[in-house]
């Protein structure tokens, strides 16, 4: 398989555009000392982002009325229980995959 020069430049450009907004904040903040209140606030950001992604996937917004994707809700409940009880990422992921496979097989 060959690649054209234009395609190569496009891939390089996309990589730079993706890389810059992820790296530049670290470059600018590295020389600063952030207050403790800001550091504590930043600690909540991963949890907020993960929660937003999870709950967004549970909701069906395709129609005029917002409802649940019940197959995803049925998968979410036992997966969340395993995550809270074991605190193991591996077991949580395995549980989610297996339960989703079973739900799709049954429904």
PDB file of N, CA and C in Angstrom:
ATOM      1  N   UNK A   1       0.848  -1.175   0.000  1.00  0.00           N
ATOM      2  CA  UNK A   1       0.000   0.000   0.000  1.00  0.00           C
ATOM      3  C   UNK A   1       0.893   1.237   0.000  1.00  0.00           C
ATOM      4  N   UNK A   2       0.594   2.151  -0.883  1.00  0.00           N
ATOM      5  CA  UNK A   2       1.372   3.386  -0.943  1.00  0.00           C
ATOM      6  C   UNK A   2       0.552   4.527  -0.361  1.00  0.00           C
ATOM      7  N   UNK A   3       1.261   5.573   0.002  1.00  0.00           N
ATOM      8  CA  UNK A   3       0.601   6.742   0.572  1.00  0.00           C
ATOM      9  C   UNK A   3       1.099   7.974  -0.177  1.00  0.00           C
ATOM     10  N   UNK A   4       0.183   8.844  -0.495  1.00  0.00           N
ATOM     11  CA  UNK A   4       0.568  10.049  -1.223  1.00  0.00           C
ATOM     12  C   UNK A   4       1.165  11.069  -0.254  1.00  0.00           C
ATOM     13  N   UNK A   5       1.909  12.009  -0.806  1.00  0.00           N
ATOM     14  CA  UNK A   5       2.516  13.061   0.005  1.00  0.00           C
ATOM     15  C   UNK A   5       1.451  13.891   0.700  1.00  0.00           C
ATOM     16  N   UNK A   6       0.361  14.187  -0.019  1.00  0.00           N
ATOM     17  CA  UNK A   6      -0.710  14.978   0.577  1.00  0.00           C
ATOM     18  C   UNK A   6      -1.327  14.260   1.775  1.00  0.00           C
ATOM     19  N   UNK A   7      -1.512  12.955   1.656  1.00  0.00           N
ATOM     20  CA  UNK A   7      -2.094  12.178   2.749  1.00  0.00           C
ATOM     21  C   UNK A   7      -1.145  12.159   3.945  1.00  0.00           C
ATOM     22  N   UNK A   8       0.156  12.032   3.685  1.00  0.00           N
ATOM     23  CA  UNK A   8       1.134  12.046   4.767  1.00  0.00           C
ATOM     24  C   UNK A   8       1.099  13.375   5.507  1.00  0.00           C
ATOM     25  N   UNK A   9       1.068  14.506   4.764  1.00  0.00           N
ATOM     26  CA  UNK A   9       0.989  15.825   5.399  1.00  0.00           C
ATOM     27  C   UNK A   9      -0.316  15.994   6.168  1.00  0.00           C
ATOM     28  N   UNK A  10      -1.397  15.431   5.653  1.00  0.00           N
ATOM     29  CA  UNK A  10      -2.681  15.495   6.355  1.00  0.00           C
ATOM     30  C   UNK A  10      -2.605  14.746   7.690  1.00  0.00           C
ATOM     31  N   UNK A  11      -1.999  13.578   7.682  1.00  0.00           N
ATOM     32  CA  UNK A  11      -1.856  12.792   8.916  1.00  0.00           C
ATOM     33  C   UNK A  11      -0.972  13.535   9.919  1.00  0.00           C
ATOM     34  N   UNK A  12       0.127  14.107   9.443  1.00  0.00           N
ATOM     35  CA  UNK A  12       1.016  14.865  10.326  1.00  0.00           C
ATOM     36  C   UNK A  12       0.286  16.081  10.888  1.00  0.00           C
ATOM     37  N   UNK A  13      -0.459  16.789  10.055  1.00  0.00           N
ATOM     38  CA  UNK A  13      -1.226  17.952  10.516  1.00  0.00           C
ATOM     39  C   UNK A  13      -2.266  17.572  11.556  1.00  0.00           C
ATOM     40  N   UNK A  14      -2.977  16.479  11.328  1.00  0.00           N
ATOM     41  CA  UNK A  14      -3.977  16.016  12.299  1.00  0.00           C
ATOM     42  C   UNK A  14      -3.310  15.636  13.615  1.00  0.00           C
ATOM     43  N   UNK A  15      -2.148  15.021  13.548  1.00  0.00           N
ATOM     44  CA  UNK A  15      -1.436  14.645  14.766  1.00  0.00           C
ATOM     45  C   UNK A  15      -1.037  15.889  15.557  1.00  0.00           C
ATOM     46  N   UNK A  16      -0.557  16.904  14.863  1.00  0.00           N
ATOM     47  CA  UNK A  16      -0.151  18.145  15.544  1.00  0.00           C
ATOM     48  C   UNK A  16      -1.356  18.834  16.175  1.00  0.00           C
ATOM     49  N   UNK A  17      -2.462  18.907  15.429  1.00  0.00           N
ATOM     50  CA  UNK A  17      -3.667  19.562  15.951  1.00  0.00           C
ATOM     51  C   UNK A  17      -4.227  18.795  17.153  1.00  0.00           C
ATOM     52  N   UNK A  18      -4.091  17.495  17.171  1.00  0.00           N
ATOM     53  CA  UNK A  18      -4.551  16.700  18.310  1.00  0.00           C
ATOM     54  C   UNK A  18      -3.580  16.822  19.480  1.00  0.00           C
ATOM     55  N   UNK A  19      -2.317  16.896  19.199  1.00  0.00           N
ATOM     56  CA  UNK A  19      -1.286  16.907  20.223  1.00  0.00           C
ATOM     57  C   UNK A  19      -1.201  18.246  20.942  1.00  0.00           C
ATOM     58  N   UNK A  20      -1.292  19.357  20.211  1.00  0.00           N
ATOM     59  CA  UNK A  20      -1.096  20.683  20.797  1.00  0.00           C
ATOM     60  C   UNK A  20      -2.033  20.996  21.969  1.00  0.00           C
ATOM     61  N   UNK A  21      -3.359  20.839  21.843  1.00  0.00           N
ATOM     62  CA  UNK A  21      -4.195  21.201  22.992  1.00  0.00           C
ATOM     63  C   UNK A  21      -4.010  20.284  24.204  1.00  0.00           C
ATOM     64  N   UNK A  22      -3.385  19.150  24.019  1.00  0.00           N
ATOM     65  CA  UNK A  22      -3.139  18.262  25.157  1.00  0.00           C
ATOM     66  C   UNK A  22      -1.824  18.578  25.855  1.00  0.00           C
ATOM     67  N   UNK A  23      -0.862  19.073  25.114  1.00  0.00           N
ATOM     68  CA  UNK A  23       0.468  19.314  25.663  1.00  0.00           C
ATOM     69  C   UNK A  23       0.670  20.759  26.114  1.00  0.00           C
ATOM     70  N   UNK A  24       0.127  21.722  25.387  1.00  0.00           N
ATOM     71  CA  UNK A  24       0.352  23.129  25.724  1.00  0.00           C
ATOM     72  C   UNK A  24      -0.055  23.501  27.149  1.00  0.00           C
ATOM     73  N   UNK A  25      -1.190  23.056  27.667  1.00  0.00           N
ATOM     74  CA  UNK A  25      -1.504  23.408  29.055  1.00  0.00           C
ATOM     75  C   UNK A  25      -0.444  22.921  30.047  1.00  0.00           C
ATOM     76  N   UNK A  26       0.122  21.750  29.827  1.00  0.00           N
ATOM     77  CA  UNK A  26       1.165  21.258  30.720  1.00  0.00           C
ATOM     78  C   UNK A  26       2.416  22.125  30.640  1.00  0.00           C
ATOM     79  N   UNK A  27       2.725  22.598  29.444  1.00  0.00           N
ATOM     80  CA  UNK A  27       3.907  23.451  29.273  1.00  0.00           C
ATOM     81  C   UNK A  27       3.715  24.766  30.011  1.00  0.00           C
ATOM     82  N   UNK A  28       2.515  25.351  29.920  1.00  0.00           N
ATOM     83  CA  UNK A  28       2.268  26.641  30.563  1.00  0.00           C
ATOM     84  C   UNK A  28       2.138  26.520  32.084  1.00  0.00           C
ATOM     85  N   UNK A  29       1.546  25.466  32.567  1.00  0.00           N
ATOM     86  CA  UNK A  29       1.290  25.329  33.999  1.00  0.00           C
ATOM     87  C   UNK A  29       2.500  24.778  34.749  1.00  0.00           C
ATOM     88  N   UNK A  30       3.406  24.174  34.056  1.00  0.00           N
ATOM     89  CA  UNK A  30       4.561  23.540  34.683  1.00  0.00           C
ATOM     90  C   UNK A  30       5.376  24.532  35.521  1.00  0.00           C
ATOM     91  N   UNK A  31       5.466  25.773  35.088  1.00  0.00           N
ATOM     92  CA  UNK A  31       6.270  26.767  35.803  1.00  0.00           C
ATOM     93  C   UNK A  31       5.495  27.444  36.935  1.00  0.00           C
ATOM     94  N   UNK A  32       4.191  27.186  37.018  1.00  0.00           N
ATOM     95  CA  UNK A  32       3.372  27.828  38.040  1.00  0.00           C
ATOM     96  C   UNK A  32       3.200  26.937  39.258  1.00  0.00           C
ATOM     97  N   UNK A  33       2.974  27.581  40.386  1.00  0.00           N
ATOM     98  CA  UNK A  33       2.571  26.861  41.585  1.00  0.00           C
ATOM     99  C   UNK A  33       1.102  27.164  41.807  1.00  0.00           C
ATOM    100  N   UNK A  34       0.271  26.142  41.646  1.00  0.00           N
ATOM    101  CA  UNK A  34      -1.168  26.337  41.770  1.00  0.00           C
ATOM    102  C   UNK A  34      -1.587  26.280  43.229  1.00  0.00           C
ATOM    103  N   UNK A  35      -2.577  27.096  43.610  1.00  0.00           N
ATOM    104  CA  UNK A  35      -3.069  27.045  44.991  1.00  0.00           C
ATOM    105  C   UNK A  35      -3.711  25.695  45.304  1.00  0.00           C
ATOM    106  N   UNK A  36      -3.730  25.347  46.580  1.00  0.00           N
ATOM    107  CA  UNK A  36      -4.299  24.066  46.999  1.00  0.00           C
ATOM    108  C   UNK A  36      -5.758  23.920  46.592  1.00  0.00           C
ATOM    109  N   UNK A  37      -6.518  24.997  46.632  1.00  0.00           N
ATOM    110  CA  UNK A  37      -7.940  24.940  46.267  1.00  0.00           C
ATOM    111  C   UNK A  37      -8.106  24.555  44.803  1.00  0.00           C
ATOM    112  N   UNK A  38      -7.226  25.035  43.949  1.00  0.00           N
ATOM    113  CA  UNK A  38      -7.286  24.703  42.525  1.00  0.00           C
ATOM    114  C   UNK A  38      -6.890  23.238  42.316  1.00  0.00           C
ATOM    115  N   UNK A  39      -5.880  22.789  43.013  1.00  0.00           N
ATOM    116  CA  UNK A  39      -5.459  21.395  42.886  1.00  0.00           C
ATOM    117  C   UNK A  39      -6.549  20.440  43.363  1.00  0.00           C
ATOM    118  N   UNK A  40      -7.237  20.777  44.460  1.00  0.00           N
ATOM    119  CA  UNK A  40      -8.343  19.928  44.917  1.00  0.00           C
ATOM    120  C   UNK A  40      -9.468  19.924  43.893  1.00  0.00           C
ATOM    121  N   UNK A  41      -9.767  21.091  43.308  1.00  0.00           N
ATOM    122  CA  UNK A  41     -10.821  21.183  42.294  1.00  0.00           C
ATOM    123  C   UNK A  41     -10.452  20.356  41.066  1.00  0.00           C
ATOM    124  N   UNK A  42      -9.204  20.410  40.649  1.00  0.00           N
ATOM    125  CA  UNK A  42      -8.761  19.634  39.491  1.00  0.00           C
ATOM    126  C   UNK A  42      -8.843  18.133  39.753  1.00  0.00           C
ATOM    127  N   UNK A  43      -8.767  17.726  41.005  1.00  0.00           N
ATOM    128  CA  UNK A  43      -8.881  16.317  41.348  1.00  0.00           C
ATOM    129  C   UNK A  43     -10.248  15.731  41.038  1.00  0.00           C
ATOM    130  N   UNK A  44     -11.288  16.573  40.977  1.00  0.00           N
ATOM    131  CA  UNK A  44     -12.640  16.092  40.693  1.00  0.00           C
ATOM    132  C   UNK A  44     -12.931  15.970  39.195  1.00  0.00           C
ATOM    133  N   UNK A  45     -12.107  16.550  38.368  1.00  0.00           N
ATOM    134  CA  UNK A  45     -12.393  16.591  36.934  1.00  0.00           C
ATOM    135  C   UNK A  45     -12.486  15.196  36.305  1.00  0.00           C
ATOM    136  N   UNK A  46     -11.570  14.255  36.571  1.00  0.00           N
ATOM    137  CA  UNK A  46     -11.732  12.920  35.960  1.00  0.00           C
ATOM    138  C   UNK A  46     -13.055  12.256  36.330  1.00  0.00           C
ATOM    139  N   UNK A  47     -13.477  12.389  37.588  1.00  0.00           N
ATOM    140  CA  UNK A  47     -14.738  11.795  38.020  1.00  0.00           C
ATOM    141  C   UNK A  47     -15.911  12.438  37.285  1.00  0.00           C
ATOM    142  N   UNK A  48     -15.878  13.744  37.129  1.00  0.00           N
ATOM    143  CA  UNK A  48     -16.960  14.452  36.441  1.00  0.00           C
ATOM    144  C   UNK A  48     -17.038  14.053  34.976  1.00  0.00           C
ATOM    145  N   UNK A  49     -15.898  13.962  34.325  1.00  0.00           N
ATOM    146  CA  UNK A  49     -15.882  13.598  32.911  1.00  0.00           C
ATOM    147  C   UNK A  49     -16.375  12.166  32.725  1.00  0.00           C
ATOM    148  N   UNK A  50     -15.898  11.242  33.563  1.00  0.00           N
ATOM    149  CA  UNK A  50     -16.330   9.861  33.463  1.00  0.00           C
ATOM    150  C   UNK A  50     -17.837   9.737  33.718  1.00  0.00           C
ATOM    151  N   UNK A  51     -18.329  10.443  34.730  1.00  0.00           N
ATOM    152  CA  UNK A  51     -19.769  10.407  35.020  1.00  0.00           C
ATOM    153  C   UNK A  51     -20.576  10.944  33.848  1.00  0.00           C
ATOM    154  N   UNK A  52     -20.133  12.040  33.265  1.00  0.00           N
ATOM    155  CA  UNK A  52     -20.852  12.604  32.123  1.00  0.00           C
ATOM    156  C   UNK A  52     -20.881  11.632  30.952  1.00  0.00           C
ATOM    157  N   UNK A  53     -19.769  10.979  30.677  1.00  0.00           N
ATOM    158  CA  UNK A  53     -19.729  10.013  29.574  1.00  0.00           C
ATOM    159  C   UNK A  53     -20.624   8.808  29.840  1.00  0.00           C
ATOM    160  N   UNK A  54     -20.612   8.314  31.073  1.00  0.00           N
ATOM    161  CA  UNK A  54     -21.421   7.140  31.404  1.00  0.00           C
ATOM    162  C   UNK A  54     -22.901   7.478  31.312  1.00  0.00           C
ATOM    163  N   UNK A  55     -23.326   8.565  31.946  1.00  0.00           N
ATOM    164  CA  UNK A  55     -24.749   8.879  31.960  1.00  0.00           C
ATOM    165  C   UNK A  55     -25.254   9.305  30.581  1.00  0.00           C
ATOM    166  N   UNK A  56     -24.384   9.909  29.780  1.00  0.00           N
ATOM    167  CA  UNK A  56     -24.772  10.264  28.413  1.00  0.00           C
ATOM    168  C   UNK A  56     -25.038   9.008  27.596  1.00  0.00           C
ATOM    169  N   UNK A  57     -24.268   7.953  27.837  1.00  0.00           N
ATOM    170  CA  UNK A  57     -24.482   6.729  27.076  1.00  0.00           C
ATOM    171  C   UNK A  57     -25.721   5.972  27.552  1.00  0.00           C
ATOM    172  N   UNK A  58     -26.154   6.204  28.783  1.00  0.00           N
ATOM    173  CA  UNK A  58     -27.349   5.533  29.297  1.00  0.00           C
ATOM    174  C   UNK A  58     -28.638   6.147  28.769  1.00  0.00           C
ATOM    175  N   UNK A  59     -28.577   7.396  28.322  1.00  0.00           N
ATOM    176  CA  UNK A  59     -29.776   8.092  27.872  1.00  0.00           C
ATOM    177  C   UNK A  59     -29.950   8.002  26.364  1.00  0.00           C
ATOM    178  N   UNK A  60     -31.199   7.832  25.948  1.00  0.00           N
ATOM    179  CA  UNK A  60     -31.546   7.809  24.527  1.00  0.00           C
ATOM    180  C   UNK A  60     -32.178   9.152  24.192  1.00  0.00           C
ATOM    181  N   UNK A  61     -31.448   9.980  23.468  1.00  0.00           N
ATOM    182  CA  UNK A  61     -31.937  11.315  23.121  1.00  0.00           C
ATOM    183  C   UNK A  61     -32.309  11.423  21.652  1.00  0.00           C
ATOM    184  N   UNK A  62     -32.481  10.299  20.986  1.00  0.00           N
ATOM    185  CA  UNK A  62     -32.770  10.335  19.554  1.00  0.00           C
ATOM    186  C   UNK A  62     -34.204  10.757  19.260  1.00  0.00           C
ATOM    187  N   UNK A  63     -35.109  10.504  20.164  1.00  0.00           N
ATOM    188  CA  UNK A  63     -36.516  10.844  19.944  1.00  0.00           C
ATOM    189  C   UNK A  63     -36.881  12.156  20.610  1.00  0.00           C
ATOM    190  N   UNK A  64     -38.160  12.512  20.527  1.00  0.00           N
ATOM    191  CA  UNK A  64     -38.590  13.769  21.142  1.00  0.00           C
ATOM    192  C   UNK A  64     -38.598  13.697  22.673  1.00  0.00           C
ATOM    193  N   UNK A  65     -38.648  12.490  23.235  1.00  0.00           N
ATOM    194  CA  UNK A  65     -38.658  12.309  24.684  1.00  0.00           C
ATOM    195  C   UNK A  65     -37.390  11.562  25.083  1.00  0.00           C
ATOM    196  N   UNK A  66     -36.722  12.065  26.096  1.00  0.00           N
ATOM    197  CA  UNK A  66     -35.506  11.417  26.582  1.00  0.00           C
ATOM    198  C   UNK A  66     -35.903  10.184  27.388  1.00  0.00           C
ATOM    199  N   UNK A  67     -35.284   9.056  27.059  1.00  0.00           N
ATOM    200  CA  UNK A  67     -35.549   7.817  27.783  1.00  0.00           C
ATOM    201  C   UNK A  67     -34.219   7.108  28.022  1.00  0.00           C
ATOM    202  N   UNK A  68     -34.291   5.921  28.590  1.00  0.00           N
ATOM    203  CA  UNK A  68     -33.091   5.151  28.878  1.00  0.00           C
ATOM    204  C   UNK A  68     -32.860   4.100  27.809  1.00  0.00           C
ATOM    205  N   UNK A  69     -31.582   3.802  27.565  1.00  0.00           N
ATOM    206  CA  UNK A  69     -31.209   2.596  26.825  1.00  0.00           C
ATOM    207  C   UNK A  69     -31.221   1.492  27.870  1.00  0.00           C
ATOM    208  N   UNK A  70     -32.307   0.740  27.952  1.00  0.00           N
ATOM    209  CA  UNK A  70     -32.462  -0.209  29.049  1.00  0.00           C
ATOM    210  C   UNK A  70     -31.417  -1.308  29.028  1.00  0.00           C
ATOM    211  N   UNK A  71     -30.949  -1.696  27.862  1.00  0.00           N
ATOM    212  CA  UNK A  71     -29.900  -2.721  27.832  1.00  0.00           C
ATOM    213  C   UNK A  71     -28.619  -2.194  28.483  1.00  0.00           C
ATOM    214  N   UNK A  72     -28.327  -0.922  28.275  1.00  0.00           N
ATOM    215  CA  UNK A  72     -27.135  -0.330  28.889  1.00  0.00           C
ATOM    216  C   UNK A  72     -27.332  -0.122  30.386  1.00  0.00           C
ATOM    217  N   UNK A  73     -28.553   0.208  30.801  1.00  0.00           N
ATOM    218  CA  UNK A  73     -28.827   0.358  32.230  1.00  0.00           C
ATOM    219  C   UNK A  73     -28.684  -0.989  32.929  1.00  0.00           C
ATOM    220  N   UNK A  74     -29.194  -2.055  32.288  1.00  0.00           N
ATOM    221  CA  UNK A  74     -29.065  -3.397  32.857  1.00  0.00           C
ATOM    222  C   UNK A  74     -27.601  -3.821  32.971  1.00  0.00           C
ATOM    223  N   UNK A  75     -26.771  -3.337  32.098  1.00  0.00           N
ATOM    224  CA  UNK A  75     -25.344  -3.640  32.151  1.00  0.00           C
ATOM    225  C   UNK A  75     -24.639  -2.762  33.183  1.00  0.00           C
ATOM    226  N   UNK A  76     -25.071  -1.519  33.283  1.00  0.00           N
ATOM    227  CA  UNK A  76     -24.424  -0.555  34.173  1.00  0.00           C
ATOM    228  C   UNK A  76     -24.545  -0.943  35.644  1.00  0.00           C
ATOM    229  N   UNK A  77     -25.701  -1.415  36.047  1.00  0.00           N
ATOM    230  CA  UNK A  77     -25.945  -1.687  37.467  1.00  0.00           C
ATOM    231  C   UNK A  77     -24.988  -2.751  38.029  1.00  0.00           C
ATOM    232  N   UNK A  78     -24.897  -3.955  37.433  1.00  0.00           N
ATOM    233  CA  UNK A  78     -23.941  -4.920  38.002  1.00  0.00           C
ATOM    234  C   UNK A  78     -22.479  -4.504  37.824  1.00  0.00           C
ATOM    235  N   UNK A  79     -22.186  -3.793  36.759  1.00  0.00           N
ATOM    236  CA  UNK A  79     -20.814  -3.336  36.544  1.00  0.00           C
ATOM    237  C   UNK A  79     -20.420  -2.322  37.615  1.00  0.00           C
ATOM    238  N   UNK A  80     -21.336  -1.410  37.932  1.00  0.00           N
ATOM    239  CA  UNK A  80     -21.076  -0.432  38.994  1.00  0.00           C
ATOM    240  C   UNK A  80     -20.910  -1.133  40.339  1.00  0.00           C
ATOM    241  N   UNK A  81     -21.745  -2.143  40.599  1.00  0.00           N
ATOM    242  CA  UNK A  81     -21.634  -2.882  41.856  1.00  0.00           C
ATOM    243  C   UNK A  81     -20.262  -3.555  41.979  1.00  0.00           C
ATOM    244  N   UNK A  82     -19.798  -4.171  40.907  1.00  0.00           N
ATOM    245  CA  UNK A  82     -18.475  -4.818  40.928  1.00  0.00           C
ATOM    246  C   UNK A  82     -17.383  -3.770  41.126  1.00  0.00           C
ATOM    247  N   UNK A  83     -17.517  -2.625  40.472  1.00  0.00           N
ATOM    248  CA  UNK A  83     -16.514  -1.565  40.610  1.00  0.00           C
ATOM    249  C   UNK A  83     -16.443  -1.061  42.048  1.00  0.00           C
ATOM    250  N   UNK A  84     -17.604  -0.854  42.663  1.00  0.00           N
ATOM    251  CA  UNK A  84     -17.609  -0.340  44.030  1.00  0.00           C
ATOM    252  C   UNK A  84     -17.143  -1.370  45.044  1.00  0.00           C
ATOM    253  N   UNK A  85     -17.487  -2.634  44.819  1.00  0.00           N
ATOM    254  CA  UNK A  85     -17.120  -3.679  45.776  1.00  0.00           C
ATOM    255  C   UNK A  85     -15.658  -4.102  45.664  1.00  0.00           C
ATOM    256  N   UNK A  86     -15.148  -4.216  44.441  1.00  0.00           N
ATOM    257  CA  UNK A  86     -13.799  -4.754  44.263  1.00  0.00           C
ATOM    258  C   UNK A  86     -12.744  -3.677  44.046  1.00  0.00           C
ATOM    259  N   UNK A  87     -13.133  -2.533  43.529  1.00  0.00           N
ATOM    260  CA  UNK A  87     -12.194  -1.455  43.182  1.00  0.00           C
ATOM    261  C   UNK A  87     -11.121  -1.946  42.199  1.00  0.00           C
ATOM    262  N   UNK A  88     -11.497  -2.941  41.397  1.00  0.00           N
ATOM    263  CA  UNK A  88     -10.577  -3.520  40.419  1.00  0.00           C
ATOM    264  C   UNK A  88     -11.028  -3.137  39.021  1.00  0.00           C
ATOM    265  N   UNK A  89     -10.167  -2.440  38.291  1.00  0.00           N
ATOM    266  CA  UNK A  89     -10.502  -2.035  36.932  1.00  0.00           C
ATOM    267  C   UNK A  89     -10.667  -3.250  36.027  1.00  0.00           C
ATOM    268  N   UNK A  90      -9.822  -4.241  36.184  1.00  0.00           N
ATOM    269  CA  UNK A  90      -9.905  -5.434  35.338  1.00  0.00           C
ATOM    270  C   UNK A  90     -11.224  -6.169  35.536  1.00  0.00           C
ATOM    271  N   UNK A  91     -11.593  -6.408  36.786  1.00  0.00           N
ATOM    272  CA  UNK A  91     -12.861  -7.096  37.056  1.00  0.00           C
ATOM    273  C   UNK A  91     -14.058  -6.277  36.590  1.00  0.00           C
ATOM    274  N   UNK A  92     -13.959  -4.970  36.726  1.00  0.00           N
ATOM    275  CA  UNK A  92     -15.050  -4.101  36.290  1.00  0.00           C
ATOM    276  C   UNK A  92     -15.240  -4.188  34.785  1.00  0.00           C
ATOM    277  N   UNK A  93     -14.150  -4.106  34.045  1.00  0.00           N
ATOM    278  CA  UNK A  93     -14.232  -4.172  32.581  1.00  0.00           C
ATOM    279  C   UNK A  93     -14.730  -5.545  32.134  1.00  0.00           C
ATOM    280  N   UNK A  94     -14.196  -6.593  32.731  1.00  0.00           N
ATOM    281  CA  UNK A  94     -14.632  -7.950  32.367  1.00  0.00           C
ATOM    282  C   UNK A  94     -16.113  -8.123  32.670  1.00  0.00           C
ATOM    283  N   UNK A  95     -16.556  -7.652  33.824  1.00  0.00           N
ATOM    284  CA  UNK A  95     -17.974  -7.741  34.186  1.00  0.00           C
ATOM    285  C   UNK A  95     -18.834  -6.991  33.180  1.00  0.00           C
ATOM    286  N   UNK A  96     -18.432  -5.776  32.826  1.00  0.00           N
ATOM    287  CA  UNK A  96     -19.198  -4.992  31.864  1.00  0.00           C
ATOM    288  C   UNK A  96     -19.318  -5.670  30.516  1.00  0.00           C
ATOM    289  N   UNK A  97     -18.221  -6.235  30.042  1.00  0.00           N
ATOM    290  CA  UNK A  97     -18.231  -6.899  28.738  1.00  0.00           C
ATOM    291  C   UNK A  97     -19.110  -8.153  28.777  1.00  0.00           C
ATOM    292  N   UNK A  98     -18.943  -8.962  29.822  1.00  0.00           N
ATOM    293  CA  UNK A  98     -19.710 -10.205  29.917  1.00  0.00           C
ATOM    294  C   UNK A  98     -21.197  -9.914  30.091  1.00  0.00           C
ATOM    295  N   UNK A  99     -21.539  -8.975  30.969  1.00  0.00           N
ATOM    296  CA  UNK A  99     -22.952  -8.658  31.191  1.00  0.00           C
ATOM    297  C   UNK A  99     -23.575  -8.068  29.932  1.00  0.00           C
ATOM    298  N   UNK A 100     -22.862  -7.190  29.232  1.00  0.00           N
ATOM    299  CA  UNK A 100     -23.412  -6.627  27.989  1.00  0.00           C
ATOM    300  C   UNK A 100     -23.615  -7.716  26.949  1.00  0.00           C
ATOM    301  N   UNK A 101     -22.693  -8.675  26.863  1.00  0.00           N
ATOM    302  CA  UNK A 101     -22.843  -9.785  25.925  1.00  0.00           C
ATOM    303  C   UNK A 101     -24.087 -10.614  26.279  1.00  0.00           C
ATOM    304  N   UNK A 102     -24.278 -10.886  27.567  1.00  0.00           N
ATOM    305  CA  UNK A 102     -25.450 -11.643  27.995  1.00  0.00           C
ATOM    306  C   UNK A 102     -26.743 -10.878  27.728  1.00  0.00           C
ATOM    307  N   UNK A 103     -26.738  -9.573  28.007  1.00  0.00           N
ATOM    308  CA  UNK A 103     -27.950  -8.764  27.768  1.00  0.00           C
ATOM    309  C   UNK A 103     -28.276  -8.740  26.284  1.00  0.00           C
ATOM    310  N   UNK A 104     -27.265  -8.563  25.441  1.00  0.00           N
ATOM    311  CA  UNK A 104     -27.534  -8.555  23.994  1.00  0.00           C
ATOM    312  C   UNK A 104     -27.983  -9.920  23.496  1.00  0.00           C
ATOM    313  N   UNK A 105     -27.437 -10.984  24.082  1.00  0.00           N
ATOM    314  CA  UNK A 105     -27.848 -12.322  23.701  1.00  0.00           C
ATOM    315  C   UNK A 105     -29.298 -12.586  24.098  1.00  0.00           C
ATOM    316  N   UNK A 106     -29.678 -12.140  25.296  1.00  0.00           N
ATOM    317  CA  UNK A 106     -31.036 -12.369  25.796  1.00  0.00           C
ATOM    318  C   UNK A 106     -32.072 -11.480  25.111  1.00  0.00           C
ATOM    319  N   UNK A 107     -31.688 -10.253  24.830  1.00  0.00           N
ATOM    320  CA  UNK A 107     -32.632  -9.324  24.201  1.00  0.00           C
ATOM    321  C   UNK A 107     -32.396  -9.338  22.723  1.00  0.00           C
TER     322      UNK A 107
END
